[in-house]
Amino acid sequence: QVQLVESGGGLVQAGGSLRLSCAASGSIFSIRTMGWYRQAPGKQRDLVATITNSGGAAYADSVKGRFTISRDNAKNTVYLQMNSLEPEDTAVYYCNAVIRPQGQLNWLNYWGQGTQVTVSS
């Protein structure tokens, strides 16, 4: 089974930094776009950042200038460097990837289990 596993979440004070990681594993043929989404309590899941397989990145306006998305294709891993964190960044962060499984012709969306990020004021 293809699986995405996030790590790196935790508790940090406002102004601090965290680095999230998401590793894809399993029977993977190829990976296209990867991204990060977040969901605060009682709110919808929103896009944070995406990165194409060639390195093109896009960000939500709320995190521009503070967050940086990157990836290591050799490790099937995407990262989210979060700086100048604010209490409003508190949410469960989810990894997403468009993946072609081994032995299949189609591309599918996969989601990680989520990792909690809490920013205290």
Protein backbone atom coordinates (compact mmCIF):
# COMPACT_ATOMS: atom_id res chain seq x y z
CA GLN A 1 0.00 0.00 0.00
CA VAL A 2 1.16 3.52 -0.78
CA GLN A 3 1.48 5.55 2.39
CA LEU A 4 2.36 9.11 3.40
CA VAL A 5 3.72 9.68 6.89
CA GLU A 6 4.22 13.16 8.36
CA SER A 7 6.56 14.11 11.17
CA GLY A 8 8.02 17.19 12.80
CA GLY A 9 4.98 18.75 14.38
CA GLY A 10 4.93 19.99 17.94
CA LEU A 11 4.50 22.92 20.27
CA VAL A 12 6.37 26.14 19.62
CA GLN A 13 6.13 29.73 20.81
CA ALA A 14 5.08 32.52 18.50
CA GLY A 15 8.00 33.60 16.37
CA GLY A 16 9.58 30.17 16.45
CA SER A 17 10.20 27.63 13.72
CA LEU A 18 9.32 24.06 12.86
CA ARG A 19 10.22 21.81 9.97
CA LEU A 20 7.69 19.24 8.80
CA SER A 21 8.58 16.17 6.78
CA CYS A 22 6.41 13.81 4.78
CA ALA A 23 7.78 10.60 3.33
CA ALA A 24 5.96 8.53 0.74
CA SER A 25 6.52 4.78 0.81
CA GLY A 26 5.15 1.60 -0.66
CA SER A 27 4.74 0.42 -4.23
CA ILE A 28 5.30 3.74 -5.96
CA PHE A 29 6.07 4.17 -9.63
CA SER A 30 6.23 7.95 -9.70
CA ILE A 31 5.19 11.07 -7.79
CA ARG A 32 3.95 14.32 -9.27
CA THR A 33 2.88 17.33 -7.21
CA MET A 34 3.23 17.20 -3.44
CA GLY A 35 1.79 19.65 -0.98
CA TRP A 36 0.81 20.64 2.52
CA TYR A 37 -2.65 21.44 3.81
CA ARG A 38 -3.85 22.38 7.27
CA GLN A 39 -7.05 22.23 9.26
CA ALA A 40 -7.72 24.18 12.42
CA PRO A 41 -10.44 23.09 14.87
CA GLY A 42 -13.87 23.82 13.48
CA LYS A 43 -12.50 25.01 10.14
CA GLN A 44 -12.06 23.61 6.66
CA ARG A 45 -8.88 22.05 5.37
CA ASP A 46 -6.95 24.70 3.43
CA LEU A 47 -4.01 24.57 1.09
CA VAL A 48 -0.73 25.80 2.55
CA ALA A 49 1.80 25.13 -0.20
CA THR A 50 2.42 22.91 -3.20
CA ILE A 51 5.50 21.93 -5.15
CA THR A 52 5.70 20.30 -8.56
CA ASN A 53 8.03 17.47 -9.44
CA SER A 54 10.28 20.03 -11.13
CA GLY A 55 10.42 22.29 -8.08
CA GLY A 56 7.82 24.96 -8.81
CA ALA A 57 6.26 26.18 -5.57
CA ALA A 58 3.06 28.00 -4.70
CA TYR A 59 1.87 29.30 -1.32
CA ALA A 60 -1.23 30.50 0.39
CA ASP A 61 -1.16 34.25 0.98
CA SER A 62 -1.23 33.72 4.73
CA VAL A 63 2.15 31.95 4.75
CA LYS A 64 4.05 33.72 1.98
CA GLY A 65 7.42 34.91 3.16
CA ARG A 66 7.31 32.69 6.23
CA PHE A 67 7.00 29.12 4.94
CA THR A 68 9.15 27.30 2.40
CA ILE A 69 8.23 24.04 0.71
CA SER A 70 10.89 21.75 -0.73
CA ARG A 71 11.30 18.15 -1.76
CA ASP A 72 13.87 15.41 -2.09
CA ASN A 73 12.82 13.22 -4.97
CA ALA A 74 15.41 10.57 -4.18
CA LYS A 75 13.77 10.10 -0.78
CA ASN A 76 10.17 10.62 -1.93
CA THR A 77 9.94 13.28 0.75
CA VAL A 78 8.45 16.76 0.92
CA TYR A 79 9.32 19.32 3.59
CA LEU A 80 7.72 22.44 4.98
CA GLN A 81 10.00 24.89 6.75
CA MET A 82 7.84 27.13 8.92
CA ASN A 83 9.38 30.31 10.30
CA SER A 84 7.93 33.24 12.22
CA LEU A 85 5.09 31.06 13.39
CA GLU A 86 1.92 32.69 14.62
CA PRO A 87 -0.90 31.36 16.80
CA GLU A 88 -3.08 31.43 13.69
CA ASP A 89 -0.83 28.73 12.22
CA THR A 90 -2.07 26.25 14.83
CA ALA A 91 -3.64 23.33 13.00
CA VAL A 92 -3.24 19.74 11.96
CA TYR A 93 -0.98 19.72 8.93
CA TYR A 94 -1.59 17.12 6.24
CA CYS A 95 0.71 15.97 3.50
CA ASN A 96 -0.68 15.33 0.02
CA ALA A 97 0.84 13.74 -3.05
CA VAL A 98 -0.25 12.77 -6.53
CA ILE A 99 1.16 9.30 -7.03
CA ARG A 100 1.15 6.64 -9.70
CA PRO A 101 1.25 3.29 -7.90
CA GLN A 102 3.49 0.53 -9.19
CA GLY A 103 1.73 -1.54 -11.82
CA GLN A 104 -1.02 1.00 -12.46
CA LEU A 105 -1.61 3.52 -15.23
CA ASN A 106 -3.59 6.09 -13.26
CA TRP A 107 -2.56 8.85 -10.88
CA LEU A 108 -4.13 9.06 -7.44
CA ASN A 109 -4.27 11.54 -4.58
CA TYR A 110 -2.91 10.34 -1.25
CA TRP A 111 -3.10 11.94 2.17
CA GLY A 112 -1.00 11.57 5.28
CA GLN A 113 -2.44 11.06 8.73
CA GLY A 114 -1.68 14.60 9.85
CA THR A 115 0.70 16.11 12.36
CA GLN A 116 -0.28 18.64 15.02
CA VAL A 117 1.33 22.07 15.05
CA THR A 118 0.53 24.26 18.03
CA VAL A 119 1.82 27.82 18.30
CA SER A 120 1.45 29.45 21.69
CA SER A 121 1.13 33.17 22.26
